[in-house]
Amino acid sequence: MDEELILDACDLLEDDLKAKTFLALNVKLRKKWLLRKLRPHTSKVQRRIHSQRKEGIFPESKLA
């Protein structure tokens, strides 16, 4: 993670509810959760591509 992202994460986790949610998550899910909160547009696009890839709309080779 880059320094800017880490600083943004620190700002986000100043909120008590978000910090408690973060700590309650499985360690493997924490980074993914942070990225969704910090970069909501990007993560929505990635989720859409992932779901379309599962449906066979976007083959892996065309996105690489």
N, C-alpha and C. Protein backbone atom coordinates (compact mmCIF):
# COMPACT_ATOMS: atom_id res chain seq x y z
N MET A 1 0.86 -1.18 0.00
CA MET A 1 0.00 0.00 0.00
C MET A 1 0.90 1.23 0.00
N ASP A 2 0.50 2.23 -0.76
CA ASP A 2 1.32 3.43 -0.81
C ASP A 2 1.06 4.33 0.41
N GLU A 3 1.94 5.29 0.61
CA GLU A 3 1.85 6.16 1.80
C GLU A 3 0.55 6.96 1.84
N GLU A 4 0.12 7.45 0.69
CA GLU A 4 -1.11 8.25 0.64
C GLU A 4 -2.32 7.41 1.06
N LEU A 5 -2.35 6.18 0.61
CA LEU A 5 -3.44 5.27 0.97
C LEU A 5 -3.43 4.97 2.46
N ILE A 6 -2.27 4.80 3.03
CA ILE A 6 -2.16 4.54 4.47
C ILE A 6 -2.66 5.74 5.27
N LEU A 7 -2.30 6.94 4.83
CA LEU A 7 -2.78 8.14 5.53
C LEU A 7 -4.30 8.29 5.41
N ASP A 8 -4.84 7.98 4.24
CA ASP A 8 -6.29 8.02 4.05
C ASP A 8 -6.97 6.99 4.96
N ALA A 9 -6.35 5.83 5.10
CA ALA A 9 -6.90 4.79 5.97
C ALA A 9 -6.91 5.26 7.43
N CYS A 10 -5.86 5.94 7.83
CA CYS A 10 -5.81 6.47 9.21
C CYS A 10 -6.94 7.47 9.44
N ASP A 11 -7.19 8.33 8.47
CA ASP A 11 -8.29 9.29 8.58
C ASP A 11 -9.63 8.57 8.68
N LEU A 12 -9.83 7.57 7.86
CA LEU A 12 -11.08 6.81 7.86
C LEU A 12 -11.30 6.12 9.21
N LEU A 13 -10.24 5.57 9.76
CA LEU A 13 -10.37 4.79 10.99
C LEU A 13 -10.46 5.65 12.24
N GLU A 14 -10.44 6.96 12.09
CA GLU A 14 -10.71 7.83 13.24
C GLU A 14 -12.17 7.74 13.67
N ASP A 15 -13.02 7.34 12.74
CA ASP A 15 -14.43 7.11 13.05
C ASP A 15 -14.54 5.81 13.86
N ASP A 16 -15.10 5.90 15.08
CA ASP A 16 -15.17 4.75 15.98
C ASP A 16 -15.89 3.55 15.37
N LEU A 17 -17.01 3.78 14.72
CA LEU A 17 -17.77 2.67 14.16
C LEU A 17 -16.98 1.98 13.05
N LYS A 18 -16.34 2.77 12.19
CA LYS A 18 -15.54 2.18 11.11
C LYS A 18 -14.33 1.44 11.67
N ALA A 19 -13.72 1.97 12.71
CA ALA A 19 -12.58 1.31 13.32
C ALA A 19 -13.00 -0.03 13.95
N LYS A 20 -14.14 -0.05 14.62
CA LYS A 20 -14.62 -1.29 15.23
C LYS A 20 -14.98 -2.32 14.16
N THR A 21 -15.59 -1.85 13.08
CA THR A 21 -15.92 -2.75 11.97
C THR A 21 -14.65 -3.35 11.40
N PHE A 22 -13.65 -2.50 11.16
CA PHE A 22 -12.37 -2.94 10.63
C PHE A 22 -11.74 -4.01 11.52
N LEU A 23 -11.72 -3.78 12.82
CA LEU A 23 -11.11 -4.73 13.74
C LEU A 23 -11.90 -6.03 13.85
N ALA A 24 -13.20 -5.96 13.62
CA ALA A 24 -14.04 -7.16 13.70
C ALA A 24 -13.87 -8.06 12.49
N LEU A 25 -13.34 -7.52 11.41
CA LEU A 25 -13.18 -8.31 10.18
C LEU A 25 -12.03 -9.30 10.31
N ASN A 26 -12.15 -10.36 9.54
CA ASN A 26 -11.05 -11.30 9.38
C ASN A 26 -9.86 -10.54 8.80
N VAL A 27 -8.67 -10.87 9.23
CA VAL A 27 -7.46 -10.17 8.79
C VAL A 27 -7.35 -10.13 7.27
N LYS A 28 -7.75 -11.21 6.60
CA LYS A 28 -7.66 -11.28 5.14
C LYS A 28 -8.62 -10.31 4.45
N LEU A 29 -9.70 -9.93 5.12
CA LEU A 29 -10.68 -9.04 4.51
C LEU A 29 -10.42 -7.56 4.79
N ARG A 30 -9.56 -7.24 5.71
CA ARG A 30 -9.36 -5.85 6.12
C ARG A 30 -8.89 -4.95 4.98
N LYS A 31 -7.90 -5.39 4.22
CA LYS A 31 -7.39 -4.55 3.13
C LYS A 31 -8.49 -4.32 2.08
N LYS A 32 -9.21 -5.37 1.75
CA LYS A 32 -10.29 -5.25 0.75
C LYS A 32 -11.35 -4.26 1.24
N TRP A 33 -11.71 -4.35 2.51
CA TRP A 33 -12.71 -3.45 3.09
C TRP A 33 -12.22 -2.01 3.03
N LEU A 34 -10.95 -1.80 3.43
CA LEU A 34 -10.38 -0.45 3.39
C LEU A 34 -10.39 0.11 1.98
N LEU A 35 -9.99 -0.69 1.02
CA LEU A 35 -9.95 -0.20 -0.37
C LEU A 35 -11.35 0.15 -0.87
N ARG A 36 -12.35 -0.62 -0.47
CA ARG A 36 -13.73 -0.29 -0.88
C ARG A 36 -14.18 1.04 -0.27
N LYS A 37 -13.79 1.26 0.98
CA LYS A 37 -14.18 2.51 1.64
C LYS A 37 -13.42 3.71 1.09
N LEU A 38 -12.16 3.52 0.75
CA LEU A 38 -11.32 4.63 0.32
C LEU A 38 -11.44 4.92 -1.17
N ARG A 39 -11.71 3.90 -1.94
CA ARG A 39 -11.81 4.07 -3.39
C ARG A 39 -13.11 3.45 -3.89
N PRO A 40 -14.26 4.02 -3.49
CA PRO A 40 -15.54 3.37 -3.80
C PRO A 40 -15.81 3.19 -5.28
N HIS A 41 -15.44 4.16 -6.12
CA HIS A 41 -15.72 4.04 -7.55
C HIS A 41 -14.93 2.88 -8.15
N THR A 42 -13.66 2.82 -7.84
CA THR A 42 -12.80 1.78 -8.38
C THR A 42 -13.27 0.40 -7.97
N SER A 43 -13.63 0.25 -6.70
CA SER A 43 -14.04 -1.07 -6.24
C SER A 43 -15.36 -1.49 -6.86
N LYS A 44 -16.27 -0.55 -7.12
CA LYS A 44 -17.54 -0.90 -7.77
C LYS A 44 -17.28 -1.41 -9.18
N VAL A 45 -16.38 -0.75 -9.90
CA VAL A 45 -16.04 -1.18 -11.25
C VAL A 45 -15.40 -2.56 -11.21
N GLN A 46 -14.48 -2.78 -10.28
CA GLN A 46 -13.83 -4.08 -10.16
C GLN A 46 -14.83 -5.17 -9.83
N ARG A 47 -15.78 -4.90 -8.93
CA ARG A 47 -16.80 -5.90 -8.59
C ARG A 47 -17.66 -6.21 -9.80
N ARG A 48 -18.01 -5.18 -10.59
CA ARG A 48 -18.84 -5.40 -11.77
C ARG A 48 -18.10 -6.26 -12.79
N ILE A 49 -16.82 -5.97 -13.01
CA ILE A 49 -16.03 -6.76 -13.95
C ILE A 49 -15.91 -8.19 -13.46
N HIS A 50 -15.68 -8.36 -12.15
CA HIS A 50 -15.56 -9.69 -11.58
C HIS A 50 -16.85 -10.49 -11.78
N SER A 51 -18.00 -9.87 -11.54
CA SER A 51 -19.26 -10.59 -11.69
C SER A 51 -19.54 -10.89 -13.16
N GLN A 52 -19.17 -9.96 -14.06
CA GLN A 52 -19.37 -10.22 -15.48
C GLN A 52 -18.42 -11.30 -15.98
N ARG A 53 -17.23 -11.34 -15.41
CA ARG A 53 -16.27 -12.38 -15.77
C ARG A 53 -16.82 -13.74 -15.36
N LYS A 54 -17.46 -13.80 -14.18
CA LYS A 54 -18.07 -15.06 -13.72
C LYS A 54 -19.18 -15.50 -14.66
N GLU A 55 -19.91 -14.53 -15.22
CA GLU A 55 -21.02 -14.84 -16.13
C GLU A 55 -20.53 -15.13 -17.54
N GLY A 56 -19.22 -14.98 -17.78
CA GLY A 56 -18.66 -15.26 -19.10
C GLY A 56 -18.71 -14.09 -20.06
N ILE A 57 -19.07 -12.90 -19.58
CA ILE A 57 -19.16 -11.72 -20.44
C ILE A 57 -17.76 -11.22 -20.81
N PHE A 58 -16.85 -11.19 -19.82
CA PHE A 58 -15.48 -10.74 -20.04
C PHE A 58 -14.53 -11.90 -19.79
N PRO A 59 -14.00 -12.51 -20.82
CA PRO A 59 -12.99 -13.56 -20.60
C PRO A 59 -11.74 -12.96 -19.99
N GLU A 60 -11.00 -13.72 -19.21
CA GLU A 60 -9.78 -13.26 -18.56
C GLU A 60 -8.79 -12.67 -19.55
N SER A 61 -8.59 -13.32 -20.68
CA SER A 61 -7.54 -12.90 -21.62
C SER A 61 -7.77 -11.51 -22.19
N LYS A 62 -8.99 -11.06 -22.33
CA LYS A 62 -9.26 -9.75 -22.90
C LYS A 62 -9.01 -8.62 -21.90
N LEU A 63 -9.02 -8.90 -20.59
CA LEU A 63 -8.81 -7.87 -19.59
C LEU A 63 -7.35 -7.73 -19.19
N ALA A 64 -6.54 -8.69 -19.47
CA ALA A 64 -5.13 -8.68 -19.05
C ALA A 64 -4.31 -7.66 -19.80
